[in-house]
Amino acid sequence: MRFIVYLKIDPATPKEEIAKLLPAERARVAELKEQGILETLYLSHTMMDIWGIFAGDSLEVVQSAVQSLPFYKFMTAEYTQLFES
């Protein structure tokens, strides 16, 4: 199953927190790509809105992957399953 996931970083998140977690976030994104769970990621120009294409056996698998991101504690997430033809 594939999902487009919209992630919104809370604009009130301290920039210092983002800077501190950025190396871990990048590393986790790379791991998810290596595992085939994360196919692609798109950032808005503000870098506060993120869209990703994730793949997994279920919504729960994808949610677990997204929740493993270090930035997740500052995010809201919306999941939309994609049509597979």
N, C-alpha and C. Protein backbone atom coordinates (compact mmCIF):
# COMPACT_ATOMS: atom_id res chain seq x y z
N MET A 1 0.84 -1.17 0.00
CA MET A 1 0.00 0.00 0.00
C MET A 1 0.90 1.24 0.00
N ARG A 2 0.47 2.24 -0.75
CA ARG A 2 1.22 3.49 -0.81
C ARG A 2 0.34 4.62 -0.29
N PHE A 3 0.98 5.57 0.39
CA PHE A 3 0.29 6.70 0.99
C PHE A 3 1.04 7.97 0.68
N ILE A 4 0.29 9.04 0.46
CA ILE A 4 0.91 10.36 0.49
C ILE A 4 0.66 10.88 1.90
N VAL A 5 1.73 11.33 2.52
CA VAL A 5 1.64 11.80 3.90
C VAL A 5 2.01 13.29 3.90
N TYR A 6 1.10 14.08 4.43
CA TYR A 6 1.34 15.52 4.59
C TYR A 6 1.74 15.76 6.04
N LEU A 7 2.91 16.34 6.21
CA LEU A 7 3.43 16.65 7.53
C LEU A 7 3.58 18.15 7.67
N LYS A 8 3.12 18.67 8.77
CA LYS A 8 3.21 20.11 9.04
C LYS A 8 3.97 20.28 10.34
N ILE A 9 5.09 21.00 10.26
CA ILE A 9 5.85 21.31 11.47
C ILE A 9 5.21 22.53 12.12
N ASP A 10 4.95 22.43 13.40
CA ASP A 10 4.36 23.53 14.16
C ASP A 10 5.25 24.76 14.02
N PRO A 11 4.71 25.88 13.52
CA PRO A 11 5.53 27.08 13.35
C PRO A 11 6.09 27.63 14.67
N ALA A 12 5.53 27.23 15.78
CA ALA A 12 6.03 27.69 17.08
C ALA A 12 7.24 26.88 17.56
N THR A 13 7.63 25.86 16.79
CA THR A 13 8.78 25.04 17.18
C THR A 13 10.04 25.90 17.19
N PRO A 14 10.76 25.88 18.28
CA PRO A 14 12.00 26.68 18.35
C PRO A 14 13.00 26.23 17.27
N LYS A 15 13.55 27.19 16.59
CA LYS A 15 14.52 26.91 15.52
C LYS A 15 15.73 26.14 16.06
N GLU A 16 16.08 26.40 17.32
CA GLU A 16 17.20 25.69 17.92
C GLU A 16 16.92 24.20 18.01
N GLU A 17 15.67 23.84 18.32
CA GLU A 17 15.28 22.43 18.40
C GLU A 17 15.39 21.77 17.03
N ILE A 18 14.93 22.48 16.00
CA ILE A 18 15.02 21.94 14.65
C ILE A 18 16.48 21.74 14.26
N ALA A 19 17.31 22.74 14.51
CA ALA A 19 18.73 22.64 14.17
C ALA A 19 19.40 21.49 14.91
N LYS A 20 19.03 21.31 16.18
CA LYS A 20 19.63 20.25 16.99
C LYS A 20 19.26 18.86 16.47
N LEU A 21 18.02 18.70 16.01
CA LEU A 21 17.54 17.39 15.56
C LEU A 21 17.77 17.13 14.07
N LEU A 22 18.19 18.12 13.32
CA LEU A 22 18.32 17.97 11.87
C LEU A 22 19.23 16.82 11.45
N PRO A 23 20.41 16.62 12.03
CA PRO A 23 21.23 15.48 11.61
C PRO A 23 20.54 14.13 11.83
N ALA A 24 19.86 13.97 12.95
CA ALA A 24 19.14 12.72 13.22
C ALA A 24 17.97 12.53 12.26
N GLU A 25 17.28 13.63 11.94
CA GLU A 25 16.16 13.58 11.00
C GLU A 25 16.65 13.12 9.62
N ARG A 26 17.74 13.72 9.16
CA ARG A 26 18.29 13.34 7.85
C ARG A 26 18.72 11.87 7.84
N ALA A 27 19.33 11.42 8.92
CA ALA A 27 19.76 10.02 9.00
C ALA A 27 18.57 9.07 8.96
N ARG A 28 17.50 9.42 9.69
CA ARG A 28 16.31 8.55 9.71
C ARG A 28 15.63 8.53 8.35
N VAL A 29 15.55 9.67 7.68
CA VAL A 29 14.98 9.73 6.33
C VAL A 29 15.78 8.82 5.40
N ALA A 30 17.10 8.87 5.49
CA ALA A 30 17.95 8.01 4.65
C ALA A 30 17.68 6.53 4.94
N GLU A 31 17.52 6.17 6.21
CA GLU A 31 17.21 4.78 6.58
C GLU A 31 15.88 4.34 5.99
N LEU A 32 14.86 5.19 6.10
CA LEU A 32 13.54 4.83 5.57
C LEU A 32 13.60 4.68 4.05
N LYS A 33 14.40 5.49 3.38
CA LYS A 33 14.57 5.34 1.93
C LYS A 33 15.27 4.04 1.60
N GLU A 34 16.32 3.70 2.34
CA GLU A 34 17.04 2.44 2.14
C GLU A 34 16.12 1.24 2.34
N GLN A 35 15.21 1.33 3.29
CA GLN A 35 14.28 0.25 3.60
C GLN A 35 13.14 0.17 2.59
N GLY A 36 13.01 1.16 1.71
CA GLY A 36 11.94 1.17 0.73
C GLY A 36 10.61 1.65 1.28
N ILE A 37 10.61 2.16 2.49
CA ILE A 37 9.37 2.67 3.09
C ILE A 37 9.07 4.07 2.59
N LEU A 38 10.09 4.88 2.47
CA LEU A 38 9.95 6.25 1.97
C LEU A 38 10.44 6.28 0.54
N GLU A 39 9.54 6.62 -0.38
CA GLU A 39 9.92 6.67 -1.79
C GLU A 39 10.48 8.03 -2.17
N THR A 40 9.81 9.08 -1.75
CA THR A 40 10.25 10.43 -2.08
C THR A 40 9.71 11.41 -1.06
N LEU A 41 10.35 12.57 -0.99
CA LEU A 41 9.98 13.59 -0.02
C LEU A 41 10.07 14.95 -0.69
N TYR A 42 9.07 15.78 -0.46
CA TYR A 42 9.03 17.13 -1.01
C TYR A 42 8.85 18.12 0.12
N LEU A 43 9.63 19.19 0.09
CA LEU A 43 9.55 20.24 1.10
C LEU A 43 9.03 21.53 0.47
N SER A 44 8.24 22.27 1.22
CA SER A 44 7.82 23.59 0.77
C SER A 44 9.01 24.54 0.90
N HIS A 45 8.88 25.72 0.33
CA HIS A 45 9.96 26.70 0.40
C HIS A 45 10.26 27.13 1.84
N THR A 46 9.28 27.01 2.72
CA THR A 46 9.50 27.37 4.13
C THR A 46 10.10 26.21 4.92
N MET A 47 10.07 25.03 4.33
CA MET A 47 10.55 23.78 4.95
C MET A 47 9.71 23.38 6.16
N MET A 48 8.52 23.95 6.29
CA MET A 48 7.63 23.62 7.39
C MET A 48 6.49 22.70 6.94
N ASP A 49 6.30 22.57 5.63
CA ASP A 49 5.30 21.67 5.06
C ASP A 49 6.04 20.62 4.25
N ILE A 50 5.68 19.36 4.48
CA ILE A 50 6.40 18.25 3.87
C ILE A 50 5.38 17.26 3.32
N TRP A 51 5.64 16.77 2.12
CA TRP A 51 4.82 15.73 1.52
C TRP A 51 5.74 14.55 1.21
N GLY A 52 5.31 13.37 1.56
CA GLY A 52 6.12 12.19 1.28
C GLY A 52 5.27 11.07 0.74
N ILE A 53 5.88 10.25 -0.12
CA ILE A 53 5.23 9.03 -0.59
C ILE A 53 5.86 7.89 0.19
N PHE A 54 5.02 7.20 0.95
CA PHE A 54 5.47 6.10 1.80
C PHE A 54 4.79 4.81 1.35
N ALA A 55 5.47 3.69 1.52
CA ALA A 55 4.92 2.39 1.16
C ALA A 55 5.04 1.45 2.36
N GLY A 56 4.02 0.65 2.56
CA GLY A 56 4.03 -0.32 3.65
C GLY A 56 2.88 -1.29 3.49
N ASP A 57 2.91 -2.36 4.27
CA ASP A 57 1.86 -3.37 4.20
C ASP A 57 0.54 -2.88 4.75
N SER A 58 0.57 -1.81 5.54
CA SER A 58 -0.65 -1.28 6.13
C SER A 58 -0.43 0.18 6.52
N LEU A 59 -1.52 0.85 6.85
CA LEU A 59 -1.43 2.22 7.36
C LEU A 59 -0.62 2.25 8.64
N GLU A 60 -0.79 1.25 9.48
CA GLU A 60 -0.08 1.21 10.75
C GLU A 60 1.43 1.16 10.56
N VAL A 61 1.89 0.43 9.55
CA VAL A 61 3.32 0.34 9.25
C VAL A 61 3.85 1.72 8.85
N VAL A 62 3.10 2.40 8.00
CA VAL A 62 3.50 3.74 7.54
C VAL A 62 3.47 4.72 8.71
N GLN A 63 2.42 4.67 9.52
CA GLN A 63 2.34 5.56 10.67
C GLN A 63 3.52 5.34 11.61
N SER A 64 3.89 4.11 11.83
CA SER A 64 5.02 3.79 12.70
C SER A 64 6.31 4.38 12.14
N ALA A 65 6.50 4.30 10.83
CA ALA A 65 7.68 4.86 10.20
C ALA A 65 7.71 6.38 10.37
N VAL A 66 6.58 7.02 10.13
CA VAL A 66 6.51 8.48 10.26
C VAL A 66 6.75 8.88 11.72
N GLN A 67 6.20 8.14 12.64
CA GLN A 67 6.35 8.46 14.06
C GLN A 67 7.78 8.25 14.55
N SER A 68 8.59 7.53 13.77
CA SER A 68 9.99 7.31 14.14
C SER A 68 10.89 8.49 13.77
N LEU A 69 10.34 9.46 13.05
CA LEU A 69 11.13 10.63 12.66
C LEU A 69 11.39 11.51 13.89
N PRO A 70 12.62 11.97 14.08
CA PRO A 70 12.91 12.82 15.24
C PRO A 70 12.06 14.10 15.31
N PHE A 71 11.69 14.65 14.16
CA PHE A 71 10.86 15.86 14.14
C PHE A 71 9.39 15.57 14.47
N TYR A 72 9.00 14.30 14.53
CA TYR A 72 7.58 13.96 14.65
C TYR A 72 6.91 14.65 15.84
N LYS A 73 7.62 14.84 16.93
CA LYS A 73 7.00 15.45 18.11
C LYS A 73 6.57 16.89 17.86
N PHE A 74 7.04 17.48 16.76
CA PHE A 74 6.66 18.85 16.40
C PHE A 74 5.71 18.89 15.20
N MET A 75 5.22 17.73 14.77
CA MET A 75 4.45 17.65 13.52
C MET A 75 3.01 17.21 13.75
N THR A 76 2.19 17.56 12.78
CA THR A 76 0.90 16.91 12.60
C THR A 76 1.00 16.15 11.30
N ALA A 77 0.24 15.08 11.18
CA ALA A 77 0.33 14.23 9.99
C ALA A 77 -1.06 13.90 9.46
N GLU A 78 -1.17 13.91 8.14
CA GLU A 78 -2.39 13.47 7.44
C GLU A 78 -1.98 12.39 6.44
N TYR A 79 -2.71 11.29 6.45
CA TYR A 79 -2.40 10.13 5.60
C TYR A 79 -3.51 9.93 4.57
N THR A 80 -3.13 9.77 3.31
CA THR A 80 -4.09 9.49 2.25
C THR A 80 -3.57 8.30 1.46
N GLN A 81 -4.36 7.23 1.45
CA GLN A 81 -3.96 6.06 0.67
C GLN A 81 -4.10 6.36 -0.81
N LEU A 82 -3.12 5.94 -1.59
CA LEU A 82 -3.12 6.19 -3.02
C LEU A 82 -3.74 5.00 -3.76
N PHE A 83 -4.41 5.29 -4.85
CA PHE A 83 -5.01 4.28 -5.69
C PHE A 83 -3.91 3.51 -6.42
N GLU A 84 -3.99 2.22 -6.39
CA GLU A 84 -3.02 1.37 -7.10
C GLU A 84 -3.75 0.68 -8.24
N SER A 85 -3.30 0.92 -9.46
CA SER A 85 -3.97 0.27 -10.59
C SER A 85 -3.21 -0.94 -11.07
